[in-house]
Amino acid sequence: MKNKVTPVMSDQTQHLPVAQPSSADDYEEKMQALIRKLPEWMQKTLSWLREPERKWIRIPAGILFMLGGCMAFLPVLGVWMIPVGILLLSEDIPFFRRLMEKALNWIQRKHPDWMDLPPNVK
């Protein structure tokens, strides 16, 4: 029978800084600030799509937007569709939520005028 060696933690263990996830309120505030900068018809559409009961419309629409963005060589479709797809999927899929949080933080740092929020100095 083999002896199991368990690691012993000492008080001298260095603690690495851990990135704190932004709060849901912070995410929502940034998202609303960005949406307010869009044309009124798009604000209404995105607000309607972001309601929780619209999940079964939002997910297929997000996937279709992302696929359309990959076919940017066709008329009307374009790369602009990929961020819209990520925005829609970020409501339901954690991976896309993290992407959207990073994008919102980048926008707040580099282009605070896009959201009318104070610059984030992280």
C-alpha atoms as a PDB file:
ATOM      1  CA  MET A   1       0.000   0.000   0.000  1.00  0.00           C
ATOM      2  CA  LYS A   2       1.377   3.412  -0.971  1.00  0.00           C
ATOM      3  CA  ASN A   3       1.504   6.319   1.406  1.00  0.00           C
ATOM      4  CA  LYS A   4      -0.320   9.365   0.175  1.00  0.00           C
ATOM      5  CA  VAL A   5       1.522  12.613   0.555  1.00  0.00           C
ATOM      6  CA  THR A   6      -0.680  15.587   1.222  1.00  0.00           C
ATOM      7  CA  PRO A   7       0.727  19.024   0.588  1.00  0.00           C
ATOM      8  CA  VAL A   8       1.022  21.218   3.654  1.00  0.00           C
ATOM      9  CA  MET A   9       0.118  24.862   3.279  1.00  0.00           C
ATOM     10  CA  SER A  10       2.264  27.244   5.240  1.00  0.00           C
ATOM     11  CA  ASP A  11       1.604  30.796   6.289  1.00  0.00           C
ATOM     12  CA  GLN A  12       4.374  31.850   3.931  1.00  0.00           C
ATOM     13  CA  THR A  13       2.369  30.911   0.840  1.00  0.00           C
ATOM     14  CA  GLN A  14       2.177  33.883  -1.495  1.00  0.00           C
ATOM     15  CA  HIS A  15      -1.276  35.038  -2.390  1.00  0.00           C
ATOM     16  CA  LEU A  16      -1.649  36.033  -5.994  1.00  0.00           C
ATOM     17  CA  PRO A  17      -4.105  38.767  -6.865  1.00  0.00           C
ATOM     18  CA  VAL A  18      -7.360  37.361  -8.126  1.00  0.00           C
ATOM     19  CA  ALA A  19      -9.414  39.316 -10.622  1.00  0.00           C
ATOM     20  CA  GLN A  20     -12.739  40.095  -9.076  1.00  0.00           C
ATOM     21  CA  PRO A  21     -15.651  39.490 -11.419  1.00  0.00           C
ATOM     22  CA  SER A  22     -17.643  42.618 -12.032  1.00  0.00           C
ATOM     23  CA  SER A  23     -21.039  42.690 -10.442  1.00  0.00           C
ATOM     24  CA  ALA A  24     -24.191  42.064 -12.421  1.00  0.00           C
ATOM     25  CA  ASP A  25     -25.301  45.633 -11.647  1.00  0.00           C
ATOM     26  CA  ASP A  26     -22.046  47.031 -13.063  1.00  0.00           C
ATOM     27  CA  TYR A  27     -22.460  44.940 -16.233  1.00  0.00           C
ATOM     28  CA  GLU A  28     -26.073  45.992 -16.625  1.00  0.00           C
ATOM     29  CA  GLU A  29     -25.224  49.678 -16.070  1.00  0.00           C
ATOM     30  CA  LYS A  30     -22.559  49.555 -18.788  1.00  0.00           C
ATOM     31  CA  MET A  31     -24.822  47.641 -21.159  1.00  0.00           C
ATOM     32  CA  GLN A  32     -27.684  50.118 -20.683  1.00  0.00           C
ATOM     33  CA  ALA A  33     -25.310  53.064 -21.175  1.00  0.00           C
ATOM     34  CA  LEU A  34     -24.126  51.589 -24.469  1.00  0.00           C
ATOM     35  CA  ILE A  35     -27.670  50.767 -25.617  1.00  0.00           C
ATOM     36  CA  ARG A  36     -28.790  54.354 -24.886  1.00  0.00           C
ATOM     37  CA  LYS A  37     -26.294  55.565 -27.515  1.00  0.00           C
ATOM     38  CA  LEU A  38     -28.001  53.524 -30.267  1.00  0.00           C
ATOM     39  CA  PRO A  39     -30.844  54.767 -32.487  1.00  0.00           C
ATOM     40  CA  GLU A  40     -34.249  54.588 -30.803  1.00  0.00           C
ATOM     41  CA  TRP A  41     -35.563  51.719 -32.940  1.00  0.00           C
ATOM     42  CA  MET A  42     -32.496  49.626 -32.066  1.00  0.00           C
ATOM     43  CA  GLN A  43     -32.823  50.511 -28.370  1.00  0.00           C
ATOM     44  CA  LYS A  44     -36.401  49.219 -28.364  1.00  0.00           C
ATOM     45  CA  THR A  45     -35.472  46.057 -30.265  1.00  0.00           C
ATOM     46  CA  LEU A  46     -32.518  45.201 -28.005  1.00  0.00           C
ATOM     47  CA  SER A  47     -34.489  45.967 -24.845  1.00  0.00           C
ATOM     48  CA  TRP A  48     -37.278  43.682 -26.076  1.00  0.00           C
ATOM     49  CA  LEU A  49     -34.825  40.905 -26.976  1.00  0.00           C
ATOM     50  CA  ARG A  50     -32.987  41.166 -23.638  1.00  0.00           C
ATOM     51  CA  GLU A  51     -36.109  40.362 -21.611  1.00  0.00           C
ATOM     52  CA  PRO A  52     -35.722  36.952 -19.894  1.00  0.00           C
ATOM     53  CA  GLU A  53     -38.763  35.358 -21.552  1.00  0.00           C
ATOM     54  CA  ARG A  54     -37.302  36.071 -25.037  1.00  0.00           C
ATOM     55  CA  LYS A  55     -34.507  33.508 -24.546  1.00  0.00           C
ATOM     56  CA  TRP A  56     -35.807  31.234 -27.320  1.00  0.00           C
ATOM     57  CA  ILE A  57     -35.733  34.104 -29.803  1.00  0.00           C
ATOM     58  CA  ARG A  58     -32.452  35.614 -28.550  1.00  0.00           C
ATOM     59  CA  ILE A  59     -30.283  32.479 -28.827  1.00  0.00           C
ATOM     60  CA  PRO A  60     -31.137  31.586 -32.452  1.00  0.00           C
ATOM     61  CA  ALA A  61     -30.923  35.268 -33.436  1.00  0.00           C
ATOM     62  CA  GLY A  62     -27.473  35.557 -31.816  1.00  0.00           C
ATOM     63  CA  ILE A  63     -26.249  32.464 -33.643  1.00  0.00           C
ATOM     64  CA  LEU A  64     -27.630  33.738 -36.955  1.00  0.00           C
ATOM     65  CA  PHE A  65     -25.982  37.130 -36.456  1.00  0.00           C
ATOM     66  CA  MET A  66     -22.626  35.483 -35.783  1.00  0.00           C
ATOM     67  CA  LEU A  67     -22.960  33.220 -38.838  1.00  0.00           C
ATOM     68  CA  GLY A  68     -23.949  36.233 -40.943  1.00  0.00           C
ATOM     69  CA  GLY A  69     -20.880  38.076 -39.699  1.00  0.00           C
ATOM     70  CA  CYS A  70     -18.680  35.236 -40.931  1.00  0.00           C
ATOM     71  CA  MET A  71     -20.178  35.732 -44.413  1.00  0.00           C
ATOM     72  CA  ALA A  72     -19.191  39.379 -44.643  1.00  0.00           C
ATOM     73  CA  PHE A  73     -18.288  38.996 -48.302  1.00  0.00           C
ATOM     74  CA  LEU A  74     -22.018  38.874 -49.162  1.00  0.00           C
ATOM     75  CA  PRO A  75     -24.110  42.056 -49.560  1.00  0.00           C
ATOM     76  CA  VAL A  76     -25.846  43.398 -46.413  1.00  0.00           C
ATOM     77  CA  LEU A  77     -24.031  40.930 -44.145  1.00  0.00           C
ATOM     78  CA  GLY A  78     -20.925  42.158 -42.414  1.00  0.00           C
ATOM     79  CA  VAL A  79     -18.484  41.845 -39.568  1.00  0.00           C
ATOM     80  CA  TRP A  80     -20.711  44.248 -37.595  1.00  0.00           C
ATOM     81  CA  MET A  81     -23.063  41.302 -37.012  1.00  0.00           C
ATOM     82  CA  ILE A  82     -20.579  39.368 -34.833  1.00  0.00           C
ATOM     83  CA  PRO A  83     -20.661  41.819 -31.858  1.00  0.00           C
ATOM     84  CA  VAL A  84     -24.460  41.935 -32.067  1.00  0.00           C
ATOM     85  CA  GLY A  85     -24.545  38.130 -31.896  1.00  0.00           C
ATOM     86  CA  ILE A  86     -22.180  38.150 -28.913  1.00  0.00           C
ATOM     87  CA  LEU A  87     -24.350  40.780 -27.210  1.00  0.00           C
ATOM     88  CA  LEU A  88     -27.465  38.622 -27.648  1.00  0.00           C
ATOM     89  CA  LEU A  89     -25.767  35.391 -26.575  1.00  0.00           C
ATOM     90  CA  SER A  90     -24.144  37.097 -23.565  1.00  0.00           C
ATOM     91  CA  GLU A  91     -27.520  37.144 -21.830  1.00  0.00           C
ATOM     92  CA  ASP A  92     -27.627  33.341 -21.615  1.00  0.00           C
ATOM     93  CA  ILE A  93     -24.145  31.850 -22.177  1.00  0.00           C
ATOM     94  CA  PRO A  94     -21.401  32.578 -19.605  1.00  0.00           C
ATOM     95  CA  PHE A  95     -18.545  32.411 -22.167  1.00  0.00           C
ATOM     96  CA  PHE A  96     -20.123  35.187 -24.234  1.00  0.00           C
ATOM     97  CA  ARG A  97     -20.979  37.108 -21.065  1.00  0.00           C
ATOM     98  CA  ARG A  98     -17.267  37.218 -20.171  1.00  0.00           C
ATOM     99  CA  LEU A  99     -16.434  38.374 -23.717  1.00  0.00           C
ATOM    100  CA  MET A 100     -19.046  41.122 -23.466  1.00  0.00           C
ATOM    101  CA  GLU A 101     -17.764  42.214 -20.031  1.00  0.00           C
ATOM    102  CA  LYS A 102     -14.237  42.501 -21.444  1.00  0.00           C
ATOM    103  CA  ALA A 103     -15.532  44.465 -24.428  1.00  0.00           C
ATOM    104  CA  LEU A 104     -17.535  46.820 -22.186  1.00  0.00           C
ATOM    105  CA  ASN A 105     -14.510  47.384 -19.932  1.00  0.00           C
ATOM    106  CA  TRP A 106     -12.353  48.102 -23.006  1.00  0.00           C
ATOM    107  CA  ILE A 107     -14.929  50.550 -24.354  1.00  0.00           C
ATOM    108  CA  GLN A 108     -15.143  52.295 -20.988  1.00  0.00           C
ATOM    109  CA  ARG A 109     -11.337  52.598 -20.854  1.00  0.00           C
ATOM    110  CA  LYS A 110     -10.652  53.605 -24.464  1.00  0.00           C
ATOM    111  CA  HIS A 111     -13.881  55.347 -25.544  1.00  0.00           C
ATOM    112  CA  PRO A 112     -15.797  56.485 -22.428  1.00  0.00           C
ATOM    113  CA  ASP A 113     -17.789  58.936 -24.556  1.00  0.00           C
ATOM    114  CA  TRP A 114     -19.491  55.956 -26.238  1.00  0.00           C
ATOM    115  CA  MET A 115     -21.257  55.165 -22.955  1.00  0.00           C
ATOM    116  CA  ASP A 116     -21.274  58.513 -21.095  1.00  0.00           C
ATOM    117  CA  LEU A 117     -19.618  56.834 -18.120  1.00  0.00           C
ATOM    118  CA  PRO A 118     -16.448  57.903 -16.302  1.00  0.00           C
ATOM    119  CA  PRO A 119     -13.309  56.211 -17.687  1.00  0.00           C
ATOM    120  CA  ASN A 120     -12.375  52.927 -16.044  1.00  0.00           C
ATOM    121  CA  VAL A 121      -8.717  53.051 -15.021  1.00  0.00           C
ATOM    122  CA  LYS A 122      -8.058  49.324 -14.535  1.00  0.00           C
END
